[in-house]
PDB file of N, CA and C in Angstrom:
ATOM      1  N   MET A   1       0.603  15.792   8.390  1.00  0.00           N
ATOM      2  CA  MET A   1       0.792  15.737   6.960  1.00  0.00           C
ATOM      3  C   MET A   1       1.748  14.593   6.632  1.00  0.00           C
ATOM      4  N   ALA A   2       1.453  13.867   5.566  1.00  0.00           N
ATOM      5  CA  ALA A   2       2.255  12.717   5.165  1.00  0.00           C
ATOM      6  C   ALA A   2       3.546  13.164   4.482  1.00  0.00           C
ATOM      7  N   ASP A   3       4.584  12.350   4.616  1.00  0.00           N
ATOM      8  CA  ASP A   3       5.858  12.636   3.964  1.00  0.00           C
ATOM      9  C   ASP A   3       5.746  12.542   2.442  1.00  0.00           C
ATOM     10  N   ILE A   4       4.933  11.620   1.963  1.00  0.00           N
ATOM     11  CA  ILE A   4       4.745  11.391   0.530  1.00  0.00           C
ATOM     12  C   ILE A   4       3.247  11.325   0.261  1.00  0.00           C
ATOM     13  N   SER A   5       2.789  11.953  -0.813  1.00  0.00           N
ATOM     14  CA  SER A   5       1.367  11.860  -1.147  1.00  0.00           C
ATOM     15  C   SER A   5       1.168  11.910  -2.657  1.00  0.00           C
ATOM     16  N   PHE A   6       0.126  11.240  -3.108  1.00  0.00           N
ATOM     17  CA  PHE A   6      -0.278  11.280  -4.512  1.00  0.00           C
ATOM     18  C   PHE A   6      -1.730  10.843  -4.599  1.00  0.00           C
ATOM     19  N   LYS A   7      -2.356  11.143  -5.724  1.00  0.00           N
ATOM     20  CA  LYS A   7      -3.731  10.732  -5.977  1.00  0.00           C
ATOM     21  C   LYS A   7      -3.708   9.513  -6.891  1.00  0.00           C
ATOM     22  N   ALA A   8      -4.351   8.450  -6.443  1.00  0.00           N
ATOM     23  CA  ALA A   8      -4.399   7.225  -7.238  1.00  0.00           C
ATOM     24  C   ALA A   8      -5.524   7.298  -8.263  1.00  0.00           C
ATOM     25  N   ALA A   9      -5.225   6.863  -9.459  1.00  0.00           N
ATOM     26  CA  ALA A   9      -6.234   6.759 -10.513  1.00  0.00           C
ATOM     27  C   ALA A   9      -6.723   5.322 -10.652  1.00  0.00           C
ATOM     28  N   TYR A  10      -5.864   4.363 -10.258  1.00  0.00           N
ATOM     29  CA  TYR A  10      -6.173   2.954 -10.422  1.00  0.00           C
ATOM     30  C   TYR A  10      -5.799   2.163  -9.172  1.00  0.00           C
ATOM     31  N   ALA A  11      -6.600   1.136  -8.905  1.00  0.00           N
ATOM     32  CA  ALA A  11      -6.274   0.171  -7.854  1.00  0.00           C
ATOM     33  C   ALA A  11      -6.408  -1.216  -8.462  1.00  0.00           C
ATOM     34  N   SER A  12      -5.690  -2.172  -7.904  1.00  0.00           N
ATOM     35  CA  SER A  12      -5.801  -3.536  -8.424  1.00  0.00           C
ATOM     36  C   SER A  12      -5.586  -4.555  -7.313  1.00  0.00           C
ATOM     37  N   VAL A  13      -6.208  -5.695  -7.516  1.00  0.00           N
ATOM     38  CA  VAL A  13      -6.029  -6.854  -6.642  1.00  0.00           C
ATOM     39  C   VAL A  13      -5.711  -8.018  -7.563  1.00  0.00           C
ATOM     40  N   VAL A  14      -4.537  -8.617  -7.376  1.00  0.00           N
ATOM     41  CA  VAL A  14      -4.117  -9.724  -8.236  1.00  0.00           C
ATOM     42  C   VAL A  14      -3.616 -10.864  -7.369  1.00  0.00           C
ATOM     43  N   GLU A  15      -4.243 -12.017  -7.546  1.00  0.00           N
ATOM     44  CA  GLU A  15      -3.779 -13.228  -6.888  1.00  0.00           C
ATOM     45  C   GLU A  15      -2.964 -13.999  -7.918  1.00  0.00           C
ATOM     46  N   ASP A  16      -1.677 -14.173  -7.637  1.00  0.00           N
ATOM     47  CA  ASP A  16      -0.784 -14.817  -8.591  1.00  0.00           C
ATOM     48  C   ASP A  16      -0.313 -16.162  -8.038  1.00  0.00           C
ATOM     49  N   PRO A  17      -0.955 -17.266  -8.463  1.00  0.00           N
ATOM     50  CA  PRO A  17      -0.567 -18.580  -7.956  1.00  0.00           C
ATOM     51  C   PRO A  17       0.863 -18.968  -8.319  1.00  0.00           C
ATOM     52  N   GLU A  18       1.364 -18.498  -9.471  1.00  0.00           N
ATOM     53  CA  GLU A  18       2.735 -18.824  -9.860  1.00  0.00           C
ATOM     54  C   GLU A  18       3.743 -18.246  -8.885  1.00  0.00           C
ATOM     55  N   GLU A  19       3.489 -17.016  -8.425  1.00  0.00           N
ATOM     56  CA  GLU A  19       4.377 -16.393  -7.434  1.00  0.00           C
ATOM     57  C   GLU A  19       3.945 -16.732  -6.020  1.00  0.00           C
ATOM     58  N   GLY A  20       2.748 -17.284  -5.869  1.00  0.00           N
ATOM     59  CA  GLY A  20       2.251 -17.664  -4.554  1.00  0.00           C
ATOM     60  C   GLY A  20       1.950 -16.469  -3.681  1.00  0.00           C
ATOM     61  N   ALA A  21       1.462 -15.379  -4.306  1.00  0.00           N
ATOM     62  CA  ALA A  21       1.246 -14.148  -3.544  1.00  0.00           C
ATOM     63  C   ALA A  21      -0.002 -13.405  -4.011  1.00  0.00           C
ATOM     64  N   LEU A  22      -0.522 -12.607  -3.101  1.00  0.00           N
ATOM     65  CA  LEU A  22      -1.610 -11.679  -3.382  1.00  0.00           C
ATOM     66  C   LEU A  22      -0.997 -10.286  -3.440  1.00  0.00           C
ATOM     67  N   PHE A  23      -1.293  -9.546  -4.519  1.00  0.00           N
ATOM     68  CA  PHE A  23      -0.783  -8.196  -4.714  1.00  0.00           C
ATOM     69  C   PHE A  23      -1.950  -7.212  -4.692  1.00  0.00           C
ATOM     70  N   ILE A  24      -1.819  -6.139  -3.934  1.00  0.00           N
ATOM     71  CA  ILE A  24      -2.808  -5.062  -3.908  1.00  0.00           C
ATOM     72  C   ILE A  24      -2.047  -3.770  -4.150  1.00  0.00           C
ATOM     73  N   GLY A  25      -2.465  -3.026  -5.163  1.00  0.00           N
ATOM     74  CA  GLY A  25      -1.744  -1.813  -5.498  1.00  0.00           C
ATOM     75  C   GLY A  25      -2.652  -0.638  -5.787  1.00  0.00           C
ATOM     76  N   PHE A  26      -2.104   0.551  -5.595  1.00  0.00           N
ATOM     77  CA  PHE A  26      -2.765   1.816  -5.913  1.00  0.00           C
ATOM     78  C   PHE A  26      -1.758   2.641  -6.697  1.00  0.00           C
ATOM     79  N   ALA A  27      -2.149   3.095  -7.900  1.00  0.00           N
ATOM     80  CA  ALA A  27      -1.196   3.791  -8.766  1.00  0.00           C
ATOM     81  C   ALA A  27      -1.756   5.108  -9.277  1.00  0.00           C
ATOM     82  N   GLN A  28      -0.860   6.062  -9.422  1.00  0.00           N
ATOM     83  CA  GLN A  28      -1.210   7.378  -9.940  1.00  0.00           C
ATOM     84  C   GLN A  28      -1.606   7.286 -11.415  1.00  0.00           C
ATOM     85  N   GLY A  29      -0.993   6.383 -12.149  1.00  0.00           N
ATOM     86  CA  GLY A  29      -1.275   6.228 -13.566  1.00  0.00           C
ATOM     87  C   GLY A  29      -0.713   4.921 -14.072  1.00  0.00           C
ATOM     88  N   GLU A  30      -0.632   4.798 -15.382  1.00  0.00           N
ATOM     89  CA  GLU A  30      -0.180   3.555 -15.990  1.00  0.00           C
ATOM     90  C   GLU A  30       1.284   3.569 -16.406  1.00  0.00           C
ATOM     91  N   GLU A  31       1.938   4.711 -16.324  1.00  0.00           N
ATOM     92  CA  GLU A  31       3.351   4.810 -16.715  1.00  0.00           C
ATOM     93  C   GLU A  31       4.257   4.306 -15.589  1.00  0.00           C
ATOM     94  N   GLU A  32       5.401   3.758 -15.959  1.00  0.00           N
ATOM     95  CA  GLU A  32       6.336   3.200 -14.979  1.00  0.00           C
ATOM     96  C   GLU A  32       6.887   4.233 -14.011  1.00  0.00           C
ATOM     97  N   ASP A  33       6.964   5.484 -14.424  1.00  0.00           N
ATOM     98  CA  ASP A  33       7.556   6.510 -13.570  1.00  0.00           C
ATOM     99  C   ASP A  33       6.533   7.212 -12.674  1.00  0.00           C
ATOM    100  N   GLU A  34       5.277   6.756 -12.673  1.00  0.00           N
ATOM    101  CA  GLU A  34       4.258   7.378 -11.832  1.00  0.00           C
ATOM    102  C   GLU A  34       4.213   6.713 -10.455  1.00  0.00           C
ATOM    103  N   ALA A  35       3.795   7.475  -9.474  1.00  0.00           N
ATOM    104  CA  ALA A  35       3.780   7.022  -8.086  1.00  0.00           C
ATOM    105  C   ALA A  35       2.841   5.831  -7.894  1.00  0.00           C
ATOM    106  N   TYR A  36       3.232   4.950  -6.971  1.00  0.00           N
ATOM    107  CA  TYR A  36       2.367   3.825  -6.606  1.00  0.00           C
ATOM    108  C   TYR A  36       2.750   3.307  -5.226  1.00  0.00           C
ATOM    109  N   VAL A  37       1.835   2.551  -4.636  1.00  0.00           N
ATOM    110  CA  VAL A  37       2.131   1.763  -3.450  1.00  0.00           C
ATOM    111  C   VAL A  37       1.678   0.335  -3.751  1.00  0.00           C
ATOM    112  N   LEU A  38       2.403  -0.619  -3.199  1.00  0.00           N
ATOM    113  CA  LEU A  38       2.101  -2.021  -3.439  1.00  0.00           C
ATOM    114  C   LEU A  38       2.210  -2.781  -2.125  1.00  0.00           C
ATOM    115  N   PHE A  39       1.224  -3.622  -1.889  1.00  0.00           N
ATOM    116  CA  PHE A  39       1.207  -4.516  -0.734  1.00  0.00           C
ATOM    117  C   PHE A  39       1.243  -5.936  -1.294  1.00  0.00           C
ATOM    118  N   ARG A  40       2.097  -6.800  -0.727  1.00  0.00           N
ATOM    119  CA  ARG A  40       2.204  -8.181  -1.207  1.00  0.00           C
ATOM    120  C   ARG A  40       2.269  -9.110  -0.004  1.00  0.00           C
ATOM    121  N   GLN A  41       1.529 -10.212  -0.104  1.00  0.00           N
ATOM    122  CA  GLN A  41       1.529 -11.190   0.977  1.00  0.00           C
ATOM    123  C   GLN A  41       1.467 -12.593   0.372  1.00  0.00           C
ATOM    124  N   PRO A  42       2.188 -13.565   0.944  1.00  0.00           N
ATOM    125  CA  PRO A  42       2.059 -14.937   0.470  1.00  0.00           C
ATOM    126  C   PRO A  42       0.592 -15.386   0.572  1.00  0.00           C
ATOM    127  N   LEU A  43       0.157 -16.210  -0.373  1.00  0.00           N
ATOM    128  CA  LEU A  43      -1.236 -16.644  -0.403  1.00  0.00           C
ATOM    129  C   LEU A  43      -1.660 -17.359   0.876  1.00  0.00           C
ATOM    130  N   GLY A  44      -0.751 -18.015   1.546  1.00  0.00           N
ATOM    131  CA  GLY A  44      -1.072 -18.704   2.793  1.00  0.00           C
ATOM    132  C   GLY A  44      -1.032 -17.805   4.022  1.00  0.00           C
ATOM    133  N   GLY A  45      -0.799 -16.520   3.824  1.00  0.00           N
ATOM    134  CA  GLY A  45      -0.665 -15.582   4.946  1.00  0.00           C
ATOM    135  C   GLY A  45       0.801 -15.335   5.249  1.00  0.00           C
ATOM    136  N   GLY A  46       1.046 -14.466   6.202  1.00  0.00           N
ATOM    137  CA  GLY A  46       2.420 -14.159   6.581  1.00  0.00           C
ATOM    138  C   GLY A  46       2.700 -12.672   6.490  1.00  0.00           C
ATOM    139  N   ALA A  47       3.972 -12.335   6.530  1.00  0.00           N
ATOM    140  CA  ALA A  47       4.393 -10.933   6.534  1.00  0.00           C
ATOM    141  C   ALA A  47       3.949 -10.233   5.252  1.00  0.00           C
ATOM    142  N   VAL A  48       3.573  -8.971   5.409  1.00  0.00           N
ATOM    143  CA  VAL A  48       3.166  -8.147   4.275  1.00  0.00           C
ATOM    144  C   VAL A  48       4.359  -7.316   3.822  1.00  0.00           C
ATOM    145  N   TRP A  49       4.683  -7.420   2.530  1.00  0.00           N
ATOM    146  CA  TRP A  49       5.705  -6.593   1.909  1.00  0.00           C
ATOM    147  C   TRP A  49       5.027  -5.289   1.503  1.00  0.00           C
ATOM    148  N   PHE A  50       5.645  -4.159   1.799  1.00  0.00           N
ATOM    149  CA  PHE A  50       5.140  -2.862   1.367  1.00  0.00           C
ATOM    150  C   PHE A  50       6.195  -2.200   0.513  1.00  0.00           C
ATOM    151  N   GLU A  51       5.756  -1.661  -0.621  1.00  0.00           N
ATOM    152  CA  GLU A  51       6.657  -1.027  -1.581  1.00  0.00           C
ATOM    153  C   GLU A  51       6.119   0.360  -1.918  1.00  0.00           C
ATOM    154  N   LEU A  52       7.002   1.333  -1.959  1.00  0.00           N
ATOM    155  CA  LEU A  52       6.604   2.725  -2.181  1.00  0.00           C
ATOM    156  C   LEU A  52       7.321   3.285  -3.408  1.00  0.00           C
ATOM    157  N   GLY A  53       6.716   3.091  -4.575  1.00  0.00           N
ATOM    158  CA  GLY A  53       7.217   3.715  -5.789  1.00  0.00           C
ATOM    159  C   GLY A  53       8.335   3.014  -6.525  1.00  0.00           C
ATOM    160  N   ASP A  54       8.991   2.048  -5.889  1.00  0.00           N
ATOM    161  CA  ASP A  54      10.092   1.336  -6.520  1.00  0.00           C
ATOM    162  C   ASP A  54      10.425   0.151  -5.631  1.00  0.00           C
ATOM    163  N   GLU A  55      10.816  -0.962  -6.254  1.00  0.00           N
ATOM    164  CA  GLU A  55      11.145  -2.147  -5.477  1.00  0.00           C
ATOM    165  C   GLU A  55      12.263  -1.884  -4.463  1.00  0.00           C
ATOM    166  N   ALA A  56      13.151  -0.940  -4.783  1.00  0.00           N
ATOM    167  CA  ALA A  56      14.235  -0.597  -3.863  1.00  0.00           C
ATOM    168  C   ALA A  56      13.709   0.036  -2.583  1.00  0.00           C
ATOM    169  N   PHE A  57      12.526   0.622  -2.639  1.00  0.00           N
ATOM    170  CA  PHE A  57      11.904   1.245  -1.470  1.00  0.00           C
ATOM    171  C   PHE A  57      10.796   0.344  -0.956  1.00  0.00           C
ATOM    172  N   GLY A  58      11.203  -0.813  -0.433  1.00  0.00           N
ATOM    173  CA  GLY A  58      10.241  -1.777   0.065  1.00  0.00           C
ATOM    174  C   GLY A  58      10.849  -2.661   1.128  1.00  0.00           C
ATOM    175  N   ALA A  59       9.964  -3.243   1.958  1.00  0.00           N
ATOM    176  CA  ALA A  59      10.430  -4.140   3.012  1.00  0.00           C
ATOM    177  C   ALA A  59       9.262  -4.951   3.555  1.00  0.00           C
ATOM    178  N   ASP A  60       9.594  -6.117   4.087  1.00  0.00           N
ATOM    179  CA  ASP A  60       8.606  -6.926   4.802  1.00  0.00           C
ATOM    180  C   ASP A  60       8.353  -6.331   6.174  1.00  0.00           C
ATOM    181  N   ALA A  61       7.138  -6.490   6.650  1.00  0.00           N
ATOM    182  CA  ALA A  61       6.754  -6.079   8.011  1.00  0.00           C
ATOM    183  C   ALA A  61       7.159  -4.639   8.310  1.00  0.00           C
ATOM    184  N   ALA A  62       6.960  -3.737   7.352  1.00  0.00           N
ATOM    185  CA  ALA A  62       7.374  -2.338   7.513  1.00  0.00           C
ATOM    186  C   ALA A  62       6.239  -1.419   7.945  1.00  0.00           C
ATOM    187  N   LEU A  63       5.031  -1.947   8.036  1.00  0.00           N
ATOM    188  CA  LEU A  63       3.876  -1.096   8.338  1.00  0.00           C
ATOM    189  C   LEU A  63       3.605  -0.998   9.831  1.00  0.00           C
ATOM    190  N   ARG A  64       3.306   0.202  10.253  1.00  0.00           N
ATOM    191  CA  ARG A  64       2.881   0.433  11.639  1.00  0.00           C
ATOM    192  C   ARG A  64       1.360   0.399  11.709  1.00  0.00           C
ATOM    193  N   ALA A  65       0.699   1.062  10.736  1.00  0.00           N
ATOM    194  CA  ALA A  65      -0.764   1.094  10.670  1.00  0.00           C
ATOM    195  C   ALA A  65      -1.173   1.632   9.305  1.00  0.00           C
ATOM    196  N   VAL A  66      -2.381   1.279   8.891  1.00  0.00           N
ATOM    197  CA  VAL A  66      -2.968   1.802   7.667  1.00  0.00           C
ATOM    198  C   VAL A  66      -4.397   2.217   8.005  1.00  0.00           C
ATOM    199  N   ARG A  67      -4.731   3.474   7.663  1.00  0.00           N
ATOM    200  CA  ARG A  67      -6.060   4.004   7.997  1.00  0.00           C
ATOM    201  C   ARG A  67      -6.718   4.596   6.768  1.00  0.00           C
ATOM    202  N   LEU A  68      -8.017   4.374   6.674  1.00  0.00           N
ATOM    203  CA  LEU A  68      -8.806   5.033   5.654  1.00  0.00           C
ATOM    204  C   LEU A  68      -9.365   6.297   6.289  1.00  0.00           C
ATOM    205  N   THR A  69      -8.978   7.443   5.755  1.00  0.00           N
ATOM    206  CA  THR A  69      -9.407   8.735   6.305  1.00  0.00           C
ATOM    207  C   THR A  69     -10.185   9.500   5.232  1.00  0.00           C
ATOM    208  N   ALA A  70     -10.693  10.645   5.591  1.00  0.00           N
ATOM    209  CA  ALA A  70     -11.401  11.493   4.625  1.00  0.00           C
ATOM    210  C   ALA A  70     -10.466  11.936   3.496  1.00  0.00           C
ATOM    211  N   GLN A  71      -9.169  12.022   3.755  1.00  0.00           N
ATOM    212  CA  GLN A  71      -8.189  12.437   2.747  1.00  0.00           C
ATOM    213  C   GLN A  71      -7.734  11.285   1.856  1.00  0.00           C
ATOM    214  N   GLY A  72      -7.902  10.061   2.315  1.00  0.00           N
ATOM    215  CA  GLY A  72      -7.462   8.904   1.540  1.00  0.00           C
ATOM    216  C   GLY A  72      -6.884   7.823   2.431  1.00  0.00           C
ATOM    217  N   LEU A  73      -6.017   7.026   1.865  1.00  0.00           N
ATOM    218  CA  LEU A  73      -5.387   5.921   2.565  1.00  0.00           C
ATOM    219  C   LEU A  73      -4.091   6.424   3.204  1.00  0.00           C
ATOM    220  N   LEU A  74      -4.060   6.477   4.523  1.00  0.00           N
ATOM    221  CA  LEU A  74      -2.884   6.944   5.246  1.00  0.00           C
ATOM    222  C   LEU A  74      -2.084   5.734   5.712  1.00  0.00           C
ATOM    223  N   ILE A  75      -0.859   5.640   5.232  1.00  0.00           N
ATOM    224  CA  ILE A  75       0.009   4.505   5.516  1.00  0.00           C
ATOM    225  C   ILE A  75       1.125   4.981   6.435  1.00  0.00           C
ATOM    226  N   GLU A  76       1.213   4.378   7.612  1.00  0.00           N
ATOM    227  CA  GLU A  76       2.260   4.718   8.572  1.00  0.00           C
ATOM    228  C   GLU A  76       3.335   3.637   8.527  1.00  0.00           C
ATOM    229  N   ILE A  77       4.542   4.053   8.277  1.00  0.00           N
ATOM    230  CA  ILE A  77       5.684   3.146   8.181  1.00  0.00           C
ATOM    231  C   ILE A  77       6.377   3.082   9.538  1.00  0.00           C
ATOM    232  N   ASP A  78       6.751   1.884   9.933  1.00  0.00           N
ATOM    233  CA  ASP A  78       7.474   1.695  11.189  1.00  0.00           C
ATOM    234  C   ASP A  78       8.756   2.521  11.131  1.00  0.00           C
ATOM    235  N   PRO A  79       8.981   3.423  12.104  1.00  0.00           N
ATOM    236  CA  PRO A  79      10.187   4.260  12.076  1.00  0.00           C
ATOM    237  C   PRO A  79      11.489   3.447  12.000  1.00  0.00           C
ATOM    238  N   ALA A  80      11.489   2.245  12.544  1.00  0.00           N
ATOM    239  CA  ALA A  80      12.683   1.405  12.494  1.00  0.00           C
ATOM    240  C   ALA A  80      12.996   0.934  11.071  1.00  0.00           C
ATOM    241  N   LYS A  81      12.008   0.993  10.178  1.00  0.00           N
ATOM    242  CA  LYS A  81      12.198   0.579   8.784  1.00  0.00           C
ATOM    243  C   LYS A  81      12.222   1.773   7.827  1.00  0.00           C
ATOM    244  N   SER A  82      12.143   2.985   8.341  1.00  0.00           N
ATOM    245  CA  SER A  82      12.020   4.168   7.481  1.00  0.00           C
ATOM    246  C   SER A  82      13.218   4.374   6.548  1.00  0.00           C
ATOM    247  N   ALA A  83      14.391   3.906   6.917  1.00  0.00           N
ATOM    248  CA  ALA A  83      15.558   4.052   6.046  1.00  0.00           C
ATOM    249  C   ALA A  83      15.337   3.349   4.707  1.00  0.00           C
ATOM    250  N   LYS A  84      14.568   2.257   4.708  1.00  0.00           N
ATOM    251  CA  LYS A  84      14.261   1.537   3.469  1.00  0.00           C
ATOM    252  C   LYS A  84      13.358   2.353   2.546  1.00  0.00           C
ATOM    253  N   PHE A  85      12.753   3.430   3.070  1.00  0.00           N
ATOM    254  CA  PHE A  85      11.808   4.253   2.324  1.00  0.00           C
ATOM    255  C   PHE A  85      12.294   5.698   2.216  1.00  0.00           C
ATOM    256  N   GLY A  86      13.598   5.883   2.180  1.00  0.00           N
ATOM    257  CA  GLY A  86      14.151   7.228   2.090  1.00  0.00           C
ATOM    258  C   GLY A  86      13.838   8.057   3.318  1.00  0.00           C
ATOM    259  N   PHE A  87      13.694   7.399   4.455  1.00  0.00           N
ATOM    260  CA  PHE A  87      13.377   7.985   5.755  1.00  0.00           C
ATOM    261  C   PHE A  87      11.968   8.563   5.836  1.00  0.00           C
ATOM    262  N   ALA A  88      11.115   8.203   4.893  1.00  0.00           N
ATOM    263  CA  ALA A  88       9.695   8.571   4.989  1.00  0.00           C
ATOM    264  C   ALA A  88       9.042   7.684   6.049  1.00  0.00           C
ATOM    265  N   THR A  89       8.147   8.256   6.830  1.00  0.00           N
ATOM    266  CA  THR A  89       7.419   7.480   7.831  1.00  0.00           C
ATOM    267  C   THR A  89       5.925   7.440   7.559  1.00  0.00           C
ATOM    268  N   SER A  90       5.495   8.104   6.479  1.00  0.00           N
ATOM    269  CA  SER A  90       4.067   8.061   6.139  1.00  0.00           C
ATOM    270  C   SER A  90       3.855   8.376   4.660  1.00  0.00           C
ATOM    271  N   ALA A  91       2.757   7.845   4.150  1.00  0.00           N
ATOM    272  CA  ALA A  91       2.347   8.118   2.780  1.00  0.00           C
ATOM    273  C   ALA A  91       0.832   8.256   2.765  1.00  0.00           C
ATOM    274  N   LEU A  92       0.342   9.175   1.964  1.00  0.00           N
ATOM    275  CA  LEU A  92      -1.093   9.388   1.821  1.00  0.00           C
ATOM    276  C   LEU A  92      -1.459   9.170   0.356  1.00  0.00           C
ATOM    277  N   VAL A  93      -2.389   8.256   0.133  1.00  0.00           N
ATOM    278  CA  VAL A  93      -2.847   7.955  -1.217  1.00  0.00           C
ATOM    279  C   VAL A  93      -4.275   8.472  -1.344  1.00  0.00           C
ATOM    280  N   GLY A  94      -4.460   9.527  -2.125  1.00  0.00           N
ATOM    281  CA  GLY A  94      -5.798  10.057  -2.375  1.00  0.00           C
ATOM    282  C   GLY A  94      -6.581   9.082  -3.236  1.00  0.00           C
ATOM    283  N   LEU A  95      -7.840   8.838  -2.866  1.00  0.00           N
ATOM    284  CA  LEU A  95      -8.622   7.809  -3.545  1.00  0.00           C
ATOM    285  C   LEU A  95      -9.871   8.335  -4.235  1.00  0.00           C
ATOM    286  N   GLY A  96     -10.046   9.647  -4.312  1.00  0.00           N
ATOM    287  CA  GLY A  96     -11.264  10.248  -4.846  1.00  0.00           C
ATOM    288  C   GLY A  96     -11.844   9.562  -6.062  1.00  0.00           C
ATOM    289  N   ALA A  97     -11.174   9.580  -7.179  1.00  0.00           N
ATOM    290  CA  ALA A  97     -11.692   9.011  -8.423  1.00  0.00           C
ATOM    291  C   ALA A  97     -10.950   7.736  -8.806  1.00  0.00           C
ATOM    292  N   CYS A  98     -10.432   7.029  -7.837  1.00  0.00           N
ATOM    293  CA  CYS A  98      -9.635   5.829  -8.077  1.00  0.00           C
ATOM    294  C   CYS A  98     -10.517   4.677  -8.556  1.00  0.00           C
ATOM    295  N   GLU A  99     -10.183   4.159  -9.731  1.00  0.00           N
ATOM    296  CA  GLU A  99     -10.904   3.034 -10.317  1.00  0.00           C
ATOM    297  C   GLU A  99     -10.617   1.757  -9.521  1.00  0.00           C
ATOM    298  N   ASP A 100     -11.646   0.993  -9.191  1.00  0.00           N
ATOM    299  CA  ASP A 100     -11.565  -0.287  -8.473  1.00  0.00           C
ATOM    300  C   ASP A 100     -11.093  -0.152  -7.025  1.00  0.00           C
ATOM    301  N   LYS A 101     -11.259   1.036  -6.434  1.00  0.00           N
ATOM    302  CA  LYS A 101     -10.783   1.243  -5.060  1.00  0.00           C
ATOM    303  C   LYS A 101     -11.541   0.403  -4.042  1.00  0.00           C
ATOM    304  N   ASP A 102     -12.849   0.202  -4.229  1.00  0.00           N
ATOM    305  CA  ASP A 102     -13.622  -0.535  -3.235  1.00  0.00           C
ATOM    306  C   ASP A 102     -13.155  -1.978  -3.109  1.00  0.00           C
ATOM    307  N   GLU A 103     -12.920  -2.638  -4.242  1.00  0.00           N
ATOM    308  CA  GLU A 103     -12.412  -4.008  -4.231  1.00  0.00           C
ATOM    309  C   GLU A 103     -11.034  -4.066  -3.565  1.00  0.00           C
ATOM    310  N   ALA A 104     -10.175  -3.128  -3.915  1.00  0.00           N
ATOM    311  CA  ALA A 104      -8.826  -3.108  -3.356  1.00  0.00           C
ATOM    312  C   ALA A 104      -8.841  -2.830  -1.857  1.00  0.00           C
ATOM    313  N   LEU A 105      -9.681  -1.912  -1.411  1.00  0.00           N
ATOM    314  CA  LEU A 105      -9.764  -1.605   0.024  1.00  0.00           C
ATOM    315  C   LEU A 105     -10.294  -2.792   0.816  1.00  0.00           C
ATOM    316  N   ALA A 106     -11.280  -3.494   0.279  1.00  0.00           N
ATOM    317  CA  ALA A 106     -11.817  -4.681   0.965  1.00  0.00           C
ATOM    318  C   ALA A 106     -10.735  -5.751   1.098  1.00  0.00           C
ATOM    319  N   ALA A 107      -9.981  -5.984   0.033  1.00  0.00           N
ATOM    320  CA  ALA A 107      -8.907  -6.976   0.078  1.00  0.00           C
ATOM    321  C   ALA A 107      -7.790  -6.539   1.030  1.00  0.00           C
ATOM    322  N   LEU A 108      -7.496  -5.246   1.055  1.00  0.00           N
ATOM    323  CA  LEU A 108      -6.446  -4.730   1.936  1.00  0.00           C
ATOM    324  C   LEU A 108      -6.837  -4.865   3.399  1.00  0.00           C
ATOM    325  N   ARG A 109      -8.100  -4.587   3.719  1.00  0.00           N
ATOM    326  CA  ARG A 109      -8.586  -4.774   5.103  1.00  0.00           C
ATOM    327  C   ARG A 109      -8.323  -6.205   5.557  1.00  0.00           C
ATOM    328  N   GLU A 110      -8.665  -7.148   4.694  1.00  0.00           N
ATOM    329  CA  GLU A 110      -8.485  -8.562   5.033  1.00  0.00           C
ATOM    330  C   GLU A 110      -7.008  -8.907   5.170  1.00  0.00           C
ATOM    331  N   MET A 111      -6.185  -8.420   4.244  1.00  0.00           N
ATOM    332  CA  MET A 111      -4.752  -8.708   4.267  1.00  0.00           C
ATOM    333  C   MET A 111      -4.092  -8.175   5.533  1.00  0.00           C
ATOM    334  N   LEU A 112      -4.412  -6.950   5.907  1.00  0.00           N
ATOM    335  CA  LEU A 112      -3.702  -6.280   6.997  1.00  0.00           C
ATOM    336  C   LEU A 112      -4.172  -6.659   8.392  1.00  0.00           C
ATOM    337  N   GLY A 113      -5.392  -7.150   8.524  1.00  0.00           N
ATOM    338  CA  GLY A 113      -5.885  -7.545   9.843  1.00  0.00           C
ATOM    339  C   GLY A 113      -5.781  -6.427  10.847  1.00  0.00           C
ATOM    340  N   ALA A 114      -5.044  -6.638  11.931  1.00  0.00           N
ATOM    341  CA  ALA A 114      -4.935  -5.681  13.029  1.00  0.00           C
ATOM    342  C   ALA A 114      -4.213  -4.389  12.639  1.00  0.00           C
ATOM    343  N   LEU A 115      -3.466  -4.385  11.548  1.00  0.00           N
ATOM    344  CA  LEU A 115      -2.791  -3.156  11.102  1.00  0.00           C
ATOM    345  C   LEU A 115      -3.769  -2.158  10.484  1.00  0.00           C
ATOM    346  N   TRP A 116      -4.953  -2.646  10.083  1.00  0.00           N
ATOM    347  CA  TRP A 116      -5.972  -1.791   9.465  1.00  0.00           C
ATOM    348  C   TRP A 116      -6.749  -1.054  10.551  1.00  0.00           C
ATOM    349  N   GLN A 117      -6.933   0.228  10.368  1.00  0.00           N
ATOM    350  CA  GLN A 117      -7.696   1.049  11.319  1.00  0.00           C
ATOM    351  C   GLN A 117      -8.684   1.915  10.548  1.00  0.00           C
ATOM    352  N   GLU A 118      -9.895   2.017  11.040  1.00  0.00           N
ATOM    353  CA  GLU A 118     -10.895   2.882  10.422  1.00  0.00           C
ATOM    354  C   GLU A 118     -10.730   4.296  10.993  1.00  0.00           C
ATOM    355  N   GLY A 119     -10.844   5.305  10.108  1.00  0.00           N
ATOM    356  CA  GLY A 119     -10.807   6.714  10.544  1.00  0.00           C
ATOM    357  C   GLY A 119      -9.511   7.092  11.051  1.00  0.00           C
TER     358      GLY A 119
END
């Protein structure tokens, strides 16, 4: 069982040339206080920033693995970086009725490379 879980209603993929980064996010809703996860990577490649619900709970190269399971997107956080996430080592994002999830999952697979695992 994941330390943190929520059901995403929305997913997004945004390439921002001004910031020089690709952003992929899954959010519970549109309000600022609703749960979300965010993945960010420089457009030229490099370390992936992972954020869990607030910029204060984020770090570069914090992911151990990300898997698409029957329950949703299971995100495993490197235990050495868990303090940056309130000592959480995993998050589960339910994707059942998530808008734009297919586009976001395809982009995330590409972004994560070897960190992405099926099943």
